[in-house]
């Protein structure tokens, strides 16, 4: 299983658990983003994290091509 499939499965399980405990999906996603950033901070600089988040924000439209594609 790819790491992306693992992450998708973990997210689905987490959303299900959050809903069962009375939290909404958006609140859970926000909490997960906080935890992802905490993991990034263990090994990455603040500038690197900011660059990663900016890249993701700049490429939210799934129908658009990425601003940068690796060869």
N, C-alpha and C. Protein backbone atom coordinates (compact mmCIF):
# COMPACT_ATOMS: atom_id res chain seq x y z
N UNK A 1 0.86 -1.18 0.00
CA UNK A 1 0.00 0.00 0.00
C UNK A 1 0.90 1.24 0.00
N UNK A 2 0.55 2.22 -0.81
CA UNK A 2 1.35 3.45 -0.86
C UNK A 2 1.13 4.27 0.40
N UNK A 3 2.06 5.14 0.69
CA UNK A 3 1.95 6.00 1.87
C UNK A 3 0.73 6.93 1.76
N UNK A 4 0.35 7.29 0.53
CA UNK A 4 -0.82 8.14 0.34
C UNK A 4 -2.11 7.39 0.67
N UNK A 5 -2.14 6.10 0.32
CA UNK A 5 -3.31 5.28 0.67
C UNK A 5 -3.39 5.07 2.17
N UNK A 6 -2.24 4.92 2.82
CA UNK A 6 -2.22 4.80 4.28
C UNK A 6 -2.78 6.08 4.90
N UNK A 7 -2.30 7.23 4.44
CA UNK A 7 -2.76 8.51 4.97
C UNK A 7 -4.26 8.69 4.75
N UNK A 8 -4.74 8.31 3.58
CA UNK A 8 -6.18 8.43 3.28
C UNK A 8 -7.01 7.56 4.22
N UNK A 9 -6.53 6.33 4.47
CA UNK A 9 -7.24 5.43 5.37
C UNK A 9 -7.23 5.95 6.80
N UNK A 10 -6.10 6.48 7.24
CA UNK A 10 -6.01 7.05 8.59
C UNK A 10 -6.95 8.23 8.72
N UNK A 11 -7.00 9.07 7.70
CA UNK A 11 -7.88 10.24 7.74
C UNK A 11 -9.34 9.80 7.79
N UNK A 12 -9.72 8.83 7.00
CA UNK A 12 -11.11 8.34 7.00
C UNK A 12 -11.48 7.78 8.37
N UNK A 13 -10.58 7.01 8.96
CA UNK A 13 -10.83 6.45 10.29
C UNK A 13 -10.93 7.57 11.32
N UNK A 14 -10.06 8.57 11.22
CA UNK A 14 -10.09 9.69 12.16
C UNK A 14 -11.36 10.51 12.05
N UNK A 15 -11.81 10.76 10.82
CA UNK A 15 -13.06 11.50 10.61
C UNK A 15 -14.22 10.73 11.23
N UNK A 16 -14.25 9.43 11.00
CA UNK A 16 -15.32 8.59 11.56
C UNK A 16 -15.33 8.67 13.09
N UNK A 17 -14.15 8.58 13.68
CA UNK A 17 -14.06 8.65 15.15
C UNK A 17 -14.45 10.03 15.66
N UNK A 18 -13.99 11.08 14.99
CA UNK A 18 -14.32 12.45 15.41
C UNK A 18 -15.83 12.68 15.35
N UNK A 19 -16.46 12.23 14.26
CA UNK A 19 -17.92 12.37 14.14
C UNK A 19 -18.64 11.62 15.25
N UNK A 20 -18.16 10.42 15.57
CA UNK A 20 -18.77 9.62 16.64
C UNK A 20 -18.66 10.31 17.99
N UNK A 21 -17.62 11.14 18.14
CA UNK A 21 -17.42 11.84 19.41
C UNK A 21 -18.00 13.25 19.40
N UNK A 22 -18.72 13.59 18.33
CA UNK A 22 -19.43 14.86 18.27
C UNK A 22 -18.69 16.01 17.63
N UNK A 23 -17.55 15.74 17.00
CA UNK A 23 -16.80 16.79 16.31
C UNK A 23 -17.12 16.75 14.83
N UNK A 24 -17.02 17.89 14.16
CA UNK A 24 -17.28 17.85 12.73
C UNK A 24 -15.99 17.62 11.94
N UNK A 25 -16.17 17.27 10.68
CA UNK A 25 -15.05 16.93 9.81
C UNK A 25 -14.04 18.06 9.69
N UNK A 26 -14.52 19.29 9.58
CA UNK A 26 -13.62 20.44 9.43
C UNK A 26 -12.77 20.66 10.68
N UNK A 27 -13.37 20.50 11.85
CA UNK A 27 -12.61 20.64 13.10
C UNK A 27 -11.52 19.56 13.18
N UNK A 28 -11.88 18.36 12.78
CA UNK A 28 -10.90 17.27 12.78
C UNK A 28 -9.77 17.56 11.80
N UNK A 29 -10.10 18.02 10.62
CA UNK A 29 -9.07 18.32 9.61
C UNK A 29 -8.12 19.41 10.12
N UNK A 30 -8.66 20.42 10.77
CA UNK A 30 -7.83 21.49 11.34
C UNK A 30 -6.88 20.93 12.40
N UNK A 31 -7.40 20.06 13.25
CA UNK A 31 -6.57 19.44 14.29
C UNK A 31 -5.47 18.57 13.66
N UNK A 32 -5.81 17.83 12.62
CA UNK A 32 -4.82 17.01 11.93
C UNK A 32 -3.73 17.86 11.29
N UNK A 33 -4.12 18.99 10.71
CA UNK A 33 -3.13 19.88 10.11
C UNK A 33 -2.14 20.37 11.17
N UNK A 34 -2.66 20.66 12.36
CA UNK A 34 -1.79 21.08 13.47
C UNK A 34 -0.80 19.97 13.81
N UNK A 35 -1.28 18.74 13.82
CA UNK A 35 -0.40 17.61 14.13
C UNK A 35 0.62 17.35 13.01
N UNK A 36 0.21 17.52 11.77
CA UNK A 36 1.14 17.35 10.64
C UNK A 36 2.25 18.39 10.74
N UNK A 37 1.90 19.62 11.04
CA UNK A 37 2.91 20.67 11.17
C UNK A 37 3.85 20.36 12.33
N UNK A 38 3.33 19.81 13.42
CA UNK A 38 4.19 19.44 14.55
C UNK A 38 5.21 18.37 14.12
N UNK A 39 4.79 17.43 13.29
CA UNK A 39 5.72 16.42 12.78
C UNK A 39 6.76 17.07 11.87
N UNK A 40 6.31 17.95 10.98
CA UNK A 40 7.25 18.67 10.10
C UNK A 40 8.30 19.42 10.92
N UNK A 41 7.89 20.05 12.02
CA UNK A 41 8.81 20.86 12.82
C UNK A 41 9.94 20.05 13.42
N UNK A 42 9.77 18.76 13.55
CA UNK A 42 10.83 17.91 14.11
C UNK A 42 12.06 17.85 13.20
N UNK A 43 11.85 18.03 11.89
CA UNK A 43 12.97 17.82 10.96
C UNK A 43 13.11 18.89 9.89
N UNK A 44 12.21 19.87 9.88
CA UNK A 44 12.24 20.86 8.80
C UNK A 44 12.25 22.27 9.37
N UNK A 45 12.83 23.19 8.61
CA UNK A 45 12.86 24.59 9.03
C UNK A 45 11.49 25.23 8.84
N UNK A 46 11.27 26.33 9.53
CA UNK A 46 10.00 27.05 9.39
C UNK A 46 9.80 27.50 7.94
N UNK A 47 10.87 27.98 7.31
CA UNK A 47 10.77 28.42 5.91
C UNK A 47 10.39 27.27 4.99
N UNK A 48 10.96 26.10 5.24
CA UNK A 48 10.64 24.92 4.43
C UNK A 48 9.18 24.52 4.60
N UNK A 49 8.70 24.55 5.83
CA UNK A 49 7.29 24.22 6.10
C UNK A 49 6.38 25.24 5.43
N UNK A 50 6.72 26.52 5.55
CA UNK A 50 5.92 27.57 4.93
C UNK A 50 5.88 27.39 3.41
N UNK A 51 7.01 27.02 2.83
CA UNK A 51 7.08 26.80 1.39
C UNK A 51 6.19 25.63 0.98
N UNK A 52 6.21 24.55 1.75
CA UNK A 52 5.35 23.38 1.49
C UNK A 52 3.88 23.77 1.54
N UNK A 53 3.50 24.51 2.58
CA UNK A 53 2.10 24.92 2.73
C UNK A 53 1.68 25.87 1.62
N UNK A 54 2.57 26.78 1.22
CA UNK A 54 2.26 27.71 0.12
C UNK A 54 2.08 26.95 -1.18
N UNK A 55 2.94 25.95 -1.43
CA UNK A 55 2.80 25.15 -2.64
C UNK A 55 1.44 24.45 -2.66
N UNK A 56 1.06 23.86 -1.53
CA UNK A 56 -0.24 23.18 -1.45
C UNK A 56 -1.38 24.17 -1.68
N UNK A 57 -1.30 25.35 -1.08
CA UNK A 57 -2.35 26.37 -1.24
C UNK A 57 -2.42 26.87 -2.68
N UNK A 58 -1.27 27.02 -3.31
CA UNK A 58 -1.24 27.51 -4.70
C UNK A 58 -1.78 26.47 -5.68
N UNK A 59 -1.88 25.23 -5.26
CA UNK A 59 -2.29 24.16 -6.16
C UNK A 59 -3.54 23.43 -5.66
N UNK A 60 -4.48 24.17 -5.09
CA UNK A 60 -5.71 23.58 -4.57
C UNK A 60 -6.65 23.09 -5.68
N UNK A 61 -6.62 23.74 -6.84
CA UNK A 61 -7.52 23.38 -7.93
C UNK A 61 -7.03 22.10 -8.59
N UNK A 62 -7.76 21.01 -8.42
CA UNK A 62 -7.35 19.72 -8.96
C UNK A 62 -7.37 19.68 -10.49
N UNK A 63 -8.08 20.61 -11.12
CA UNK A 63 -8.15 20.64 -12.58
C UNK A 63 -7.01 21.42 -13.21
N UNK A 64 -6.28 22.18 -12.42
CA UNK A 64 -5.15 22.96 -12.92
C UNK A 64 -3.88 22.13 -12.84
N UNK A 65 -2.94 22.40 -13.74
CA UNK A 65 -1.64 21.75 -13.65
C UNK A 65 -0.85 22.42 -12.54
N UNK A 66 0.02 21.67 -11.88
CA UNK A 66 0.87 22.24 -10.85
C UNK A 66 1.72 23.36 -11.44
N UNK A 67 1.99 24.36 -10.61
CA UNK A 67 2.85 25.46 -11.03
C UNK A 67 4.26 24.94 -11.34
N UNK A 68 4.67 23.87 -10.68
CA UNK A 68 5.98 23.26 -10.89
C UNK A 68 5.81 21.77 -10.96
N UNK A 69 6.29 21.18 -12.01
CA UNK A 69 6.24 19.72 -12.13
C UNK A 69 7.65 19.20 -12.25
N UNK A 70 7.97 18.17 -11.48
CA UNK A 70 9.29 17.56 -11.60
C UNK A 70 9.34 16.73 -12.87
N UNK A 71 10.50 16.74 -13.53
CA UNK A 71 10.63 15.96 -14.78
C UNK A 71 10.54 14.47 -14.55
